[in-house]
mmCIF file of all heavy atoms, coordinates in Angstrom:
data_MODEL
# 
_entry.id   MODEL 
# 
loop_
_atom_site.group_PDB 
_atom_site.id 
_atom_site.type_symbol 
_atom_site.label_atom_id 
_atom_site.label_alt_id 
_atom_site.label_comp_id 
_atom_site.label_asym_id 
_atom_site.label_entity_id 
_atom_site.label_seq_id 
_atom_site.pdbx_PDB_ins_code 
_atom_site.Cartn_x 
_atom_site.Cartn_y 
_atom_site.Cartn_z 
_atom_site.occupancy 
_atom_site.B_iso_or_equiv 
_atom_site.pdbx_formal_charge 
_atom_site.auth_seq_id 
_atom_site.auth_comp_id 
_atom_site.auth_asym_id 
_atom_site.auth_atom_id 
_atom_site.pdbx_PDB_model_num 
ATOM 1   N N   . LEU A 1 1  ? 3.013   -7.290  -11.651 1.00 0.00 ? 1  LEU A N   1 
ATOM 2   C CA  . LEU A 1 1  ? 1.894   -7.085  -12.516 1.00 0.00 ? 1  LEU A CA  1 
ATOM 3   C C   . LEU A 1 1  ? 0.666   -7.709  -11.900 1.00 0.00 ? 1  LEU A C   1 
ATOM 4   O O   . LEU A 1 1  ? -0.449  -7.116  -12.079 1.00 0.00 ? 1  LEU A O   1 
ATOM 5   C CB  . LEU A 1 1  ? 2.193   -7.844  -13.845 1.00 0.00 ? 1  LEU A CB  1 
ATOM 6   C CG  . LEU A 1 1  ? 1.188   -7.716  -15.008 1.00 0.00 ? 1  LEU A CG  1 
ATOM 7   C CD1 . LEU A 1 1  ? 1.001   -6.275  -15.283 1.00 0.00 ? 1  LEU A CD1 1 
ATOM 8   C CD2 . LEU A 1 1  ? 1.565   -8.546  -16.201 1.00 0.00 ? 1  LEU A CD2 1 
ATOM 9   N N   . ARG A 1 2  ? 0.719   -8.809  -11.257 1.00 0.00 ? 2  ARG A N   1 
ATOM 10  C CA  . ARG A 1 2  ? -0.454  -9.431  -10.638 1.00 0.00 ? 2  ARG A CA  1 
ATOM 11  C C   . ARG A 1 2  ? -0.970  -8.484  -9.527  1.00 0.00 ? 2  ARG A C   1 
ATOM 12  O O   . ARG A 1 2  ? -2.186  -8.349  -9.382  1.00 0.00 ? 2  ARG A O   1 
ATOM 13  C CB  . ARG A 1 2  ? -0.090  -10.806 -10.004 1.00 0.00 ? 2  ARG A CB  1 
ATOM 14  C CG  . ARG A 1 2  ? -1.199  -11.429 -9.298  1.00 0.00 ? 2  ARG A CG  1 
ATOM 15  C CD  . ARG A 1 2  ? -0.787  -12.665 -8.540  1.00 0.00 ? 2  ARG A CD  1 
ATOM 16  N NE  . ARG A 1 2  ? -1.866  -13.135 -7.614  1.00 0.00 ? 2  ARG A NE  1 
ATOM 17  C CZ  . ARG A 1 2  ? -1.726  -14.057 -6.744  1.00 0.00 ? 2  ARG A CZ  1 
ATOM 18  N NH1 . ARG A 1 2  ? -0.513  -14.710 -6.553  1.00 0.00 ? 2  ARG A NH1 1 
ATOM 19  N NH2 . ARG A 1 2  ? -2.721  -14.440 -5.907  1.00 0.00 ? 2  ARG A NH2 1 
ATOM 20  N N   . THR A 1 3  ? -0.119  -7.852  -8.821  1.00 0.00 ? 3  THR A N   1 
ATOM 21  C CA  . THR A 1 3  ? -0.553  -6.849  -7.784  1.00 0.00 ? 3  THR A CA  1 
ATOM 22  C C   . THR A 1 3  ? -1.242  -5.707  -8.354  1.00 0.00 ? 3  THR A C   1 
ATOM 23  O O   . THR A 1 3  ? -2.315  -5.308  -7.873  1.00 0.00 ? 3  THR A O   1 
ATOM 24  C CB  . THR A 1 3  ? 0.655   -6.450  -6.976  1.00 0.00 ? 3  THR A CB  1 
ATOM 25  O OG1 . THR A 1 3  ? 1.222   -7.558  -6.215  1.00 0.00 ? 3  THR A OG1 1 
ATOM 26  C CG2 . THR A 1 3  ? 0.198   -5.355  -5.927  1.00 0.00 ? 3  THR A CG2 1 
ATOM 27  N N   . LEU A 1 4  ? -0.702  -5.159  -9.430  1.00 0.00 ? 4  LEU A N   1 
ATOM 28  C CA  . LEU A 1 4  ? -1.353  -4.032  -10.037 1.00 0.00 ? 4  LEU A CA  1 
ATOM 29  C C   . LEU A 1 4  ? -2.626  -4.256  -10.650 1.00 0.00 ? 4  LEU A C   1 
ATOM 30  O O   . LEU A 1 4  ? -3.594  -3.481  -10.542 1.00 0.00 ? 4  LEU A O   1 
ATOM 31  C CB  . LEU A 1 4  ? -0.336  -3.335  -10.996 1.00 0.00 ? 4  LEU A CB  1 
ATOM 32  C CG  . LEU A 1 4  ? 0.908   -2.876  -10.501 1.00 0.00 ? 4  LEU A CG  1 
ATOM 33  C CD1 . LEU A 1 4  ? 1.872   -2.388  -11.721 1.00 0.00 ? 4  LEU A CD1 1 
ATOM 34  C CD2 . LEU A 1 4  ? 0.737   -1.682  -9.538  1.00 0.00 ? 4  LEU A CD2 1 
ATOM 35  N N   . VAL A 1 5  ? -2.723  -5.478  -11.351 1.00 0.00 ? 5  VAL A N   1 
ATOM 36  C CA  . VAL A 1 5  ? -3.945  -5.693  -12.166 1.00 0.00 ? 5  VAL A CA  1 
ATOM 37  C C   . VAL A 1 5  ? -4.990  -6.423  -11.207 1.00 0.00 ? 5  VAL A C   1 
ATOM 38  O O   . VAL A 1 5  ? -6.146  -6.155  -11.353 1.00 0.00 ? 5  VAL A O   1 
ATOM 39  C CB  . VAL A 1 5  ? -3.632  -6.554  -13.355 1.00 0.00 ? 5  VAL A CB  1 
ATOM 40  C CG1 . VAL A 1 5  ? -4.946  -7.046  -14.016 1.00 0.00 ? 5  VAL A CG1 1 
ATOM 41  C CG2 . VAL A 1 5  ? -2.666  -5.953  -14.254 1.00 0.00 ? 5  VAL A CG2 1 
ATOM 42  N N   . GLY A 1 6  ? -4.536  -7.166  -10.263 1.00 0.00 ? 6  GLY A N   1 
ATOM 43  C CA  . GLY A 1 6  ? -5.443  -7.896  -9.412  1.00 0.00 ? 6  GLY A CA  1 
ATOM 44  C C   . GLY A 1 6  ? -6.010  -7.165  -8.262  1.00 0.00 ? 6  GLY A C   1 
ATOM 45  O O   . GLY A 1 6  ? -7.053  -7.564  -7.651  1.00 0.00 ? 6  GLY A O   1 
ATOM 46  N N   . HIS A 1 7  ? -5.548  -5.990  -7.904  1.00 0.00 ? 7  HIS A N   1 
ATOM 47  C CA  . HIS A 1 7  ? -6.050  -5.192  -6.885  1.00 0.00 ? 7  HIS A CA  1 
ATOM 48  C C   . HIS A 1 7  ? -7.443  -4.670  -7.217  1.00 0.00 ? 7  HIS A C   1 
ATOM 49  O O   . HIS A 1 7  ? -7.667  -4.235  -8.333  1.00 0.00 ? 7  HIS A O   1 
ATOM 50  C CB  . HIS A 1 7  ? -5.172  -3.950  -6.570  1.00 0.00 ? 7  HIS A CB  1 
ATOM 51  C CG  . HIS A 1 7  ? -5.451  -3.294  -5.284  1.00 0.00 ? 7  HIS A CG  1 
ATOM 52  N ND1 . HIS A 1 7  ? -6.571  -2.491  -5.095  1.00 0.00 ? 7  HIS A ND1 1 
ATOM 53  C CD2 . HIS A 1 7  ? -4.830  -3.388  -4.078  1.00 0.00 ? 7  HIS A CD2 1 
ATOM 54  C CE1 . HIS A 1 7  ? -6.575  -1.985  -3.786  1.00 0.00 ? 7  HIS A CE1 1 
ATOM 55  N NE2 . HIS A 1 7  ? -5.526  -2.572  -3.174  1.00 0.00 ? 7  HIS A NE2 1 
ATOM 56  N N   . PRO A 1 8  ? -8.391  -4.732  -6.304  1.00 0.00 ? 8  PRO A N   1 
ATOM 57  C CA  . PRO A 1 8  ? -9.796  -4.274  -6.722  1.00 0.00 ? 8  PRO A CA  1 
ATOM 58  C C   . PRO A 1 8  ? -9.800  -2.791  -7.155  1.00 0.00 ? 8  PRO A C   1 
ATOM 59  O O   . PRO A 1 8  ? -9.125  -1.941  -6.637  1.00 0.00 ? 8  PRO A O   1 
ATOM 60  C CB  . PRO A 1 8  ? -10.554 -4.332  -5.338  1.00 0.00 ? 8  PRO A CB  1 
ATOM 61  C CG  . PRO A 1 8  ? -9.822  -5.415  -4.569  1.00 0.00 ? 8  PRO A CG  1 
ATOM 62  C CD  . PRO A 1 8  ? -8.381  -5.259  -4.975  1.00 0.00 ? 8  PRO A CD  1 
ATOM 63  N N   . ARG A 1 9  ? -10.497 -2.574  -8.213  1.00 0.00 ? 9  ARG A N   1 
ATOM 64  C CA  . ARG A 1 9  ? -10.548 -1.246  -8.828  1.00 0.00 ? 9  ARG A CA  1 
ATOM 65  C C   . ARG A 1 9  ? -11.188 -0.188  -7.885  1.00 0.00 ? 9  ARG A C   1 
ATOM 66  O O   . ARG A 1 9  ? -10.756 0.991   -7.868  1.00 0.00 ? 9  ARG A O   1 
ATOM 67  C CB  . ARG A 1 9  ? -11.358 -1.261  -10.093 1.00 0.00 ? 9  ARG A CB  1 
ATOM 68  C CG  . ARG A 1 9  ? -10.673 -1.939  -11.240 1.00 0.00 ? 9  ARG A CG  1 
ATOM 69  C CD  . ARG A 1 9  ? -11.663 -2.066  -12.420 1.00 0.00 ? 9  ARG A CD  1 
ATOM 70  N NE  . ARG A 1 9  ? -12.240 -0.817  -12.783 1.00 0.00 ? 9  ARG A NE  1 
ATOM 71  C CZ  . ARG A 1 9  ? -11.761 -0.008  -13.745 1.00 0.00 ? 9  ARG A CZ  1 
ATOM 72  N NH1 . ARG A 1 9  ? -10.594 -0.259  -14.339 1.00 0.00 ? 9  ARG A NH1 1 
ATOM 73  N NH2 . ARG A 1 9  ? -12.375 1.178   -14.005 1.00 0.00 ? 9  ARG A NH2 1 
ATOM 74  N N   . ASN A 1 10 ? -12.145 -0.641  -7.042  1.00 0.00 ? 10 ASN A N   1 
ATOM 75  C CA  . ASN A 1 10 ? -12.870 0.328   -6.216  1.00 0.00 ? 10 ASN A CA  1 
ATOM 76  C C   . ASN A 1 10 ? -12.323 0.421   -4.798  1.00 0.00 ? 10 ASN A C   1 
ATOM 77  O O   . ASN A 1 10 ? -13.039 0.957   -3.947  1.00 0.00 ? 10 ASN A O   1 
ATOM 78  C CB  . ASN A 1 10 ? -14.343 -0.037  -6.223  1.00 0.00 ? 10 ASN A CB  1 
ATOM 79  C CG  . ASN A 1 10 ? -14.545 -1.500  -5.859  1.00 0.00 ? 10 ASN A CG  1 
ATOM 80  O OD1 . ASN A 1 10 ? -13.619 -2.167  -5.360  1.00 0.00 ? 10 ASN A OD1 1 
ATOM 81  N ND2 . ASN A 1 10 ? -15.758 -1.983  -6.054  1.00 0.00 ? 10 ASN A ND2 1 
ATOM 82  N N   . ARG A 1 11 ? -11.146 -0.130  -4.504  1.00 0.00 ? 11 ARG A N   1 
ATOM 83  C CA  . ARG A 1 11 ? -10.640 -0.084  -3.094  1.00 0.00 ? 11 ARG A CA  1 
ATOM 84  C C   . ARG A 1 11 ? -9.200  0.260   -3.192  1.00 0.00 ? 11 ARG A C   1 
ATOM 85  O O   . ARG A 1 11 ? -8.528  0.015   -4.170  1.00 0.00 ? 11 ARG A O   1 
ATOM 86  C CB  . ARG A 1 11 ? -10.777 -1.538  -2.547  1.00 0.00 ? 11 ARG A CB  1 
ATOM 87  C CG  . ARG A 1 11 ? -10.185 -1.729  -1.130  1.00 0.00 ? 11 ARG A CG  1 
ATOM 88  C CD  . ARG A 1 11 ? -10.547 -3.042  -0.594  1.00 0.00 ? 11 ARG A CD  1 
ATOM 89  N NE  . ARG A 1 11 ? -11.927 -3.150  -0.293  1.00 0.00 ? 11 ARG A NE  1 
ATOM 90  C CZ  . ARG A 1 11 ? -12.555 -2.700  0.819   1.00 0.00 ? 11 ARG A CZ  1 
ATOM 91  N NH1 . ARG A 1 11 ? -11.862 -2.226  1.745   1.00 0.00 ? 11 ARG A NH1 1 
ATOM 92  N NH2 . ARG A 1 11 ? -13.808 -2.868  0.943   1.00 0.00 ? 11 ARG A NH2 1 
ATOM 93  N N   . HIS A 1 12 ? -8.805  0.965   -2.175  1.00 0.00 ? 12 HIS A N   1 
ATOM 94  C CA  . HIS A 1 12 ? -7.393  1.352   -2.047  1.00 0.00 ? 12 HIS A CA  1 
ATOM 95  C C   . HIS A 1 12 ? -6.807  0.919   -0.716  1.00 0.00 ? 12 HIS A C   1 
ATOM 96  O O   . HIS A 1 12 ? -7.473  0.909   0.288   1.00 0.00 ? 12 HIS A O   1 
ATOM 97  C CB  . HIS A 1 12 ? -7.308  2.913   -2.168  1.00 0.00 ? 12 HIS A CB  1 
ATOM 98  C CG  . HIS A 1 12 ? -5.893  3.390   -2.534  1.00 0.00 ? 12 HIS A CG  1 
ATOM 99  N ND1 . HIS A 1 12 ? -5.445  3.420   -3.873  1.00 0.00 ? 12 HIS A ND1 1 
ATOM 100 C CD2 . HIS A 1 12 ? -4.803  3.804   -1.779  1.00 0.00 ? 12 HIS A CD2 1 
ATOM 101 C CE1 . HIS A 1 12 ? -4.179  3.870   -3.932  1.00 0.00 ? 12 HIS A CE1 1 
ATOM 102 N NE2 . HIS A 1 12 ? -3.850  4.091   -2.659  1.00 0.00 ? 12 HIS A NE2 1 
ATOM 103 N N   . THR A 1 13 ? -5.539  0.489   -0.803  1.00 0.00 ? 13 THR A N   1 
ATOM 104 C CA  . THR A 1 13 ? -4.822  -0.044  0.377   1.00 0.00 ? 13 THR A CA  1 
ATOM 105 C C   . THR A 1 13 ? -3.819  0.935   0.883   1.00 0.00 ? 13 THR A C   1 
ATOM 106 O O   . THR A 1 13 ? -2.949  1.399   0.044   1.00 0.00 ? 13 THR A O   1 
ATOM 107 C CB  . THR A 1 13 ? -4.205  -1.412  0.040   1.00 0.00 ? 13 THR A CB  1 
ATOM 108 O OG1 . THR A 1 13 ? -5.228  -2.374  -0.297  1.00 0.00 ? 13 THR A OG1 1 
ATOM 109 C CG2 . THR A 1 13 ? -3.469  -1.922  1.317   1.00 0.00 ? 13 THR A CG2 1 
ATOM 110 N N   . ILE A 1 14 ? -3.719  1.200   2.145   1.00 0.00 ? 14 ILE A N   1 
ATOM 111 C CA  . ILE A 1 14 ? -2.755  2.096   2.829   1.00 0.00 ? 14 ILE A CA  1 
ATOM 112 C C   . ILE A 1 14 ? -2.035  1.226   3.876   1.00 0.00 ? 14 ILE A C   1 
ATOM 113 O O   . ILE A 1 14 ? -2.796  0.729   4.803   1.00 0.00 ? 14 ILE A O   1 
ATOM 114 C CB  . ILE A 1 14 ? -3.355  3.350   3.412   1.00 0.00 ? 14 ILE A CB  1 
ATOM 115 C CG1 . ILE A 1 14 ? -4.160  4.199   2.332   1.00 0.00 ? 14 ILE A CG1 1 
ATOM 116 C CG2 . ILE A 1 14 ? -2.187  4.181   3.942   1.00 0.00 ? 14 ILE A CG2 1 
ATOM 117 C CD1 . ILE A 1 14 ? -4.852  5.347   2.813   1.00 0.00 ? 14 ILE A CD1 1 
ATOM 118 N N   . ALA A 1 15 ? -0.816  1.015   3.708   1.00 0.00 ? 15 ALA A N   1 
ATOM 119 C CA  . ALA A 1 15 ? 0.005   0.110   4.652   1.00 0.00 ? 15 ALA A CA  1 
ATOM 120 C C   . ALA A 1 15 ? 1.082   0.980   5.322   1.00 0.00 ? 15 ALA A C   1 
ATOM 121 O O   . ALA A 1 15 ? 1.697   1.808   4.748   1.00 0.00 ? 15 ALA A O   1 
ATOM 122 C CB  . ALA A 1 15 ? 0.559   -0.986  3.951   1.00 0.00 ? 15 ALA A CB  1 
ATOM 123 N N   . PHE A 1 16 ? 1.351   0.739   6.613   1.00 0.00 ? 16 PHE A N   1 
ATOM 124 C CA  . PHE A 1 16 ? 2.315   1.462   7.384   1.00 0.00 ? 16 PHE A CA  1 
ATOM 125 C C   . PHE A 1 16 ? 3.431   0.517   7.841   1.00 0.00 ? 16 PHE A C   1 
ATOM 126 O O   . PHE A 1 16 ? 3.124   -0.701  8.196   1.00 0.00 ? 16 PHE A O   1 
ATOM 127 C CB  . PHE A 1 16 ? 1.660   2.112   8.628   1.00 0.00 ? 16 PHE A CB  1 
ATOM 128 C CG  . PHE A 1 16 ? 0.620   3.078   8.273   1.00 0.00 ? 16 PHE A CG  1 
ATOM 129 C CD1 . PHE A 1 16 ? -0.769  2.693   8.193   1.00 0.00 ? 16 PHE A CD1 1 
ATOM 130 C CD2 . PHE A 1 16 ? 0.955   4.449   7.987   1.00 0.00 ? 16 PHE A CD2 1 
ATOM 131 C CE1 . PHE A 1 16 ? -1.717  3.683   7.882   1.00 0.00 ? 16 PHE A CE1 1 
ATOM 132 C CE2 . PHE A 1 16 ? 0.006   5.359   7.616   1.00 0.00 ? 16 PHE A CE2 1 
ATOM 133 C CZ  . PHE A 1 16 ? -1.419  4.983   7.602   1.00 0.00 ? 16 PHE A CZ  1 
ATOM 134 N N   . LEU A 1 17 ? 4.628   1.094   7.939   1.00 0.00 ? 17 LEU A N   1 
ATOM 135 C CA  . LEU A 1 17 ? 5.756   0.385   8.565   1.00 0.00 ? 17 LEU A CA  1 
ATOM 136 C C   . LEU A 1 17 ? 6.360   1.410   9.472   1.00 0.00 ? 17 LEU A C   1 
ATOM 137 O O   . LEU A 1 17 ? 6.944   2.433   8.961   1.00 0.00 ? 17 LEU A O   1 
ATOM 138 C CB  . LEU A 1 17 ? 6.753   -0.142  7.530   1.00 0.00 ? 17 LEU A CB  1 
ATOM 139 C CG  . LEU A 1 17 ? 7.984   -0.803  8.028   1.00 0.00 ? 17 LEU A CG  1 
ATOM 140 C CD1 . LEU A 1 17 ? 7.587   -2.097  8.852   1.00 0.00 ? 17 LEU A CD1 1 
ATOM 141 C CD2 . LEU A 1 17 ? 9.012   -1.108  6.965   1.00 0.00 ? 17 LEU A CD2 1 
ATOM 142 N N   . VAL A 1 18 ? 6.269   1.251   10.784  1.00 0.00 ? 18 VAL A N   1 
ATOM 143 C CA  . VAL A 1 18 ? 6.803   2.161   11.765  1.00 0.00 ? 18 VAL A CA  1 
ATOM 144 C C   . VAL A 1 18 ? 8.201   1.836   12.035  1.00 0.00 ? 18 VAL A C   1 
ATOM 145 O O   . VAL A 1 18 ? 8.515   0.836   12.568  1.00 0.00 ? 18 VAL A O   1 
ATOM 146 C CB  . VAL A 1 18 ? 5.900   2.189   13.029  1.00 0.00 ? 18 VAL A CB  1 
ATOM 147 C CG1 . VAL A 1 18 ? 6.406   3.198   14.087  1.00 0.00 ? 18 VAL A CG1 1 
ATOM 148 C CG2 . VAL A 1 18 ? 4.421   2.476   12.678  1.00 0.00 ? 18 VAL A CG2 1 
ATOM 149 N N   . LEU A 1 19 ? 9.069   2.864   11.791  1.00 0.00 ? 19 LEU A N   1 
ATOM 150 C CA  . LEU A 1 19 ? 10.508  2.671   12.001  1.00 0.00 ? 19 LEU A CA  1 
ATOM 151 C C   . LEU A 1 19 ? 10.910  3.559   13.209  1.00 0.00 ? 19 LEU A C   1 
ATOM 152 O O   . LEU A 1 19 ? 10.111  4.439   13.591  1.00 0.00 ? 19 LEU A O   1 
ATOM 153 C CB  . LEU A 1 19 ? 11.315  2.993   10.799  1.00 0.00 ? 19 LEU A CB  1 
ATOM 154 C CG  . LEU A 1 19 ? 10.946  2.212   9.498   1.00 0.00 ? 19 LEU A CG  1 
ATOM 155 C CD1 . LEU A 1 19 ? 11.699  2.793   8.338   1.00 0.00 ? 19 LEU A CD1 1 
ATOM 156 C CD2 . LEU A 1 19 ? 11.267  0.725   9.725   1.00 0.00 ? 19 LEU A CD2 1 
ATOM 157 N N   . PRO A 1 20 ? 12.066  3.367   13.812  1.00 0.00 ? 20 PRO A N   1 
ATOM 158 C CA  . PRO A 1 20 ? 12.421  4.240   14.947  1.00 0.00 ? 20 PRO A CA  1 
ATOM 159 C C   . PRO A 1 20 ? 12.393  5.718   14.685  1.00 0.00 ? 20 PRO A C   1 
ATOM 160 O O   . PRO A 1 20 ? 12.103  6.491   15.562  1.00 0.00 ? 20 PRO A O   1 
ATOM 161 C CB  . PRO A 1 20 ? 13.889  3.688   15.228  1.00 0.00 ? 20 PRO A CB  1 
ATOM 162 C CG  . PRO A 1 20 ? 13.859  2.296   14.799  1.00 0.00 ? 20 PRO A CG  1 
ATOM 163 C CD  . PRO A 1 20 ? 13.058  2.306   13.548  1.00 0.00 ? 20 PRO A CD  1 
ATOM 164 N N   . ASP A 1 21 ? 12.846  6.091   13.492  1.00 0.00 ? 21 ASP A N   1 
ATOM 165 C CA  . ASP A 1 21 ? 12.978  7.563   13.176  1.00 0.00 ? 21 ASP A CA  1 
ATOM 166 C C   . ASP A 1 21 ? 12.031  8.103   12.097  1.00 0.00 ? 21 ASP A C   1 
ATOM 167 O O   . ASP A 1 21 ? 12.063  9.259   11.766  1.00 0.00 ? 21 ASP A O   1 
ATOM 168 C CB  . ASP A 1 21 ? 14.374  7.857   12.762  1.00 0.00 ? 21 ASP A CB  1 
ATOM 169 C CG  . ASP A 1 21 ? 14.778  7.146   11.489  1.00 0.00 ? 21 ASP A CG  1 
ATOM 170 O OD1 . ASP A 1 21 ? 14.138  6.132   11.138  1.00 0.00 ? 21 ASP A OD1 1 
ATOM 171 O OD2 . ASP A 1 21 ? 15.790  7.560   10.870  1.00 0.00 ? 21 ASP A OD2 1 
ATOM 172 N N   . ARG A 1 22 ? 11.099  7.203   11.619  1.00 0.00 ? 22 ARG A N   1 
ATOM 173 C CA  . ARG A 1 22 ? 10.106  7.652   10.600  1.00 0.00 ? 22 ARG A CA  1 
ATOM 174 C C   . ARG A 1 22 ? 9.107   6.605   10.342  1.00 0.00 ? 22 ARG A C   1 
ATOM 175 O O   . ARG A 1 22 ? 9.159   5.476   10.925  1.00 0.00 ? 22 ARG A O   1 
ATOM 176 C CB  . ARG A 1 22 ? 11.020  7.869   9.228   1.00 0.00 ? 22 ARG A CB  1 
ATOM 177 C CG  . ARG A 1 22 ? 11.439  6.621   8.601   1.00 0.00 ? 22 ARG A CG  1 
ATOM 178 C CD  . ARG A 1 22 ? 12.437  6.968   7.602   1.00 0.00 ? 22 ARG A CD  1 
ATOM 179 N NE  . ARG A 1 22 ? 13.710  7.416   8.195   1.00 0.00 ? 22 ARG A NE  1 
ATOM 180 C CZ  . ARG A 1 22 ? 14.790  7.871   7.554   1.00 0.00 ? 22 ARG A CZ  1 
ATOM 181 N NH1 . ARG A 1 22 ? 14.733  7.892   6.245   1.00 0.00 ? 22 ARG A NH1 1 
ATOM 182 N NH2 . ARG A 1 22 ? 15.885  8.201   8.229   1.00 0.00 ? 22 ARG A NH2 1 
ATOM 183 N N   . VAL A 1 23 ? 8.088   6.951   9.586   1.00 0.00 ? 23 VAL A N   1 
ATOM 184 C CA  . VAL A 1 23 ? 7.002   5.980   9.212   1.00 0.00 ? 23 VAL A CA  1 
ATOM 185 C C   . VAL A 1 23 ? 6.981   5.822   7.765   1.00 0.00 ? 23 VAL A C   1 
ATOM 186 O O   . VAL A 1 23 ? 6.854   6.892   7.012   1.00 0.00 ? 23 VAL A O   1 
ATOM 187 C CB  . VAL A 1 23 ? 5.641   6.463   9.788   1.00 0.00 ? 23 VAL A CB  1 
ATOM 188 C CG1 . VAL A 1 23 ? 4.533   5.421   9.381   1.00 0.00 ? 23 VAL A CG1 1 
ATOM 189 C CG2 . VAL A 1 23 ? 5.671   6.622   11.318  1.00 0.00 ? 23 VAL A CG2 1 
ATOM 190 N N   . PHE A 1 24 ? 7.081   4.654   7.233   1.00 0.00 ? 24 PHE A N   1 
ATOM 191 C CA  . PHE A 1 24 ? 6.996   4.345   5.876   1.00 0.00 ? 24 PHE A CA  1 
ATOM 192 C C   . PHE A 1 24 ? 5.579   4.091   5.548   1.00 0.00 ? 24 PHE A C   1 
ATOM 193 O O   . PHE A 1 24 ? 4.823   3.248   6.128   1.00 0.00 ? 24 PHE A O   1 
ATOM 194 C CB  . PHE A 1 24 ? 7.860   3.145   5.564   1.00 0.00 ? 24 PHE A CB  1 
ATOM 195 C CG  . PHE A 1 24 ? 7.875   2.705   4.003   1.00 0.00 ? 24 PHE A CG  1 
ATOM 196 C CD1 . PHE A 1 24 ? 8.622   3.348   3.146   1.00 0.00 ? 24 PHE A CD1 1 
ATOM 197 C CD2 . PHE A 1 24 ? 6.998   1.699   3.649   1.00 0.00 ? 24 PHE A CD2 1 
ATOM 198 C CE1 . PHE A 1 24 ? 8.683   2.955   1.785   1.00 0.00 ? 24 PHE A CE1 1 
ATOM 199 C CE2 . PHE A 1 24 ? 6.919   1.311   2.333   1.00 0.00 ? 24 PHE A CE2 1 
ATOM 200 C CZ  . PHE A 1 24 ? 7.825   1.991   1.398   1.00 0.00 ? 24 PHE A CZ  1 
ATOM 201 N N   . VAL A 1 25 ? 5.013   4.763   4.463   1.00 0.00 ? 25 VAL A N   1 
ATOM 202 C CA  . VAL A 1 25 ? 3.543   4.623   4.095   1.00 0.00 ? 25 VAL A CA  1 
ATOM 203 C C   . VAL A 1 25 ? 3.553   4.130   2.622   1.00 0.00 ? 25 VAL A C   1 
ATOM 204 O O   . VAL A 1 25 ? 3.989   4.852   1.676   1.00 0.00 ? 25 VAL A O   1 
ATOM 205 C CB  . VAL A 1 25 ? 2.856   6.013   4.179   1.00 0.00 ? 25 VAL A CB  1 
ATOM 206 C CG1 . VAL A 1 25 ? 1.384   5.855   3.980   1.00 0.00 ? 25 VAL A CG1 1 
ATOM 207 C CG2 . VAL A 1 25 ? 3.098   6.564   5.580   1.00 0.00 ? 25 VAL A CG2 1 
ATOM 208 N N   . ALA A 1 26 ? 2.897   3.056   2.396   1.00 0.00 ? 26 ALA A N   1 
ATOM 209 C CA  . ALA A 1 26 ? 2.613   2.426   1.121   1.00 0.00 ? 26 ALA A CA  1 
ATOM 210 C C   . ALA A 1 26 ? 1.273   2.730   0.645   1.00 0.00 ? 26 ALA A C   1 
ATOM 211 O O   . ALA A 1 26 ? 0.305   2.573   1.423   1.00 0.00 ? 26 ALA A O   1 
ATOM 212 C CB  . ALA A 1 26 ? 3.029   0.937   1.081   1.00 0.00 ? 26 ALA A CB  1 
ATOM 213 N N   . SER A 1 27 ? 1.136   3.065   -0.653  1.00 0.00 ? 27 SER A N   1 
ATOM 214 C CA  . SER A 1 27 ? -0.256  3.385   -1.173  1.00 0.00 ? 27 SER A CA  1 
ATOM 215 C C   . SER A 1 27 ? -0.424  2.446   -2.397  1.00 0.00 ? 27 SER A C   1 
ATOM 216 O O   . SER A 1 27 ? 0.326   2.513   -3.404  1.00 0.00 ? 27 SER A O   1 
ATOM 217 C CB  . SER A 1 27 ? -0.273  4.850   -1.618  1.00 0.00 ? 27 SER A CB  1 
ATOM 218 O OG  . SER A 1 27 ? -1.468  5.061   -2.362  1.00 0.00 ? 27 SER A OG  1 
ATOM 219 N N   . ILE A 1 28 ? -1.391  1.564   -2.291  1.00 0.00 ? 28 ILE A N   1 
ATOM 220 C CA  . ILE A 1 28 ? -1.591  0.465   -3.296  1.00 0.00 ? 28 ILE A CA  1 
ATOM 221 C C   . ILE A 1 28 ? -2.996  0.517   -3.836  1.00 0.00 ? 28 ILE A C   1 
ATOM 222 O O   . ILE A 1 28 ? -3.892  0.457   -3.052  1.00 0.00 ? 28 ILE A O   1 
ATOM 223 C CB  . ILE A 1 28 ? -1.298  -0.922  -2.671  1.00 0.00 ? 28 ILE A CB  1 
ATOM 224 C CG1 . ILE A 1 28 ? 0.008   -0.948  -1.943  1.00 0.00 ? 28 ILE A CG1 1 
ATOM 225 C CG2 . ILE A 1 28 ? -1.326  -1.973  -3.689  1.00 0.00 ? 28 ILE A CG2 1 
ATOM 226 C CD1 . ILE A 1 28 ? 0.187   -2.121  -0.969  1.00 0.00 ? 28 ILE A CD1 1 
ATOM 227 N N   . GLY A 1 29 ? -3.091  0.554   -5.092  1.00 0.00 ? 29 GLY A N   1 
ATOM 228 C CA  . GLY A 1 29 ? -4.471  0.584   -5.785  1.00 0.00 ? 29 GLY A CA  1 
ATOM 229 C C   . GLY A 1 29 ? -4.418  -0.152  -7.063  1.00 0.00 ? 29 GLY A C   1 
ATOM 230 O O   . GLY A 1 29 ? -3.366  -0.800  -7.428  1.00 0.00 ? 29 GLY A O   1 
# 
């Protein structure tokens, strides 16, 4: 809940985790 409410309204975060056979992409706003 803190992550969802506390994230800036006007900014979006894109995070990557590179694995041997794929790339995990997280989208946080």
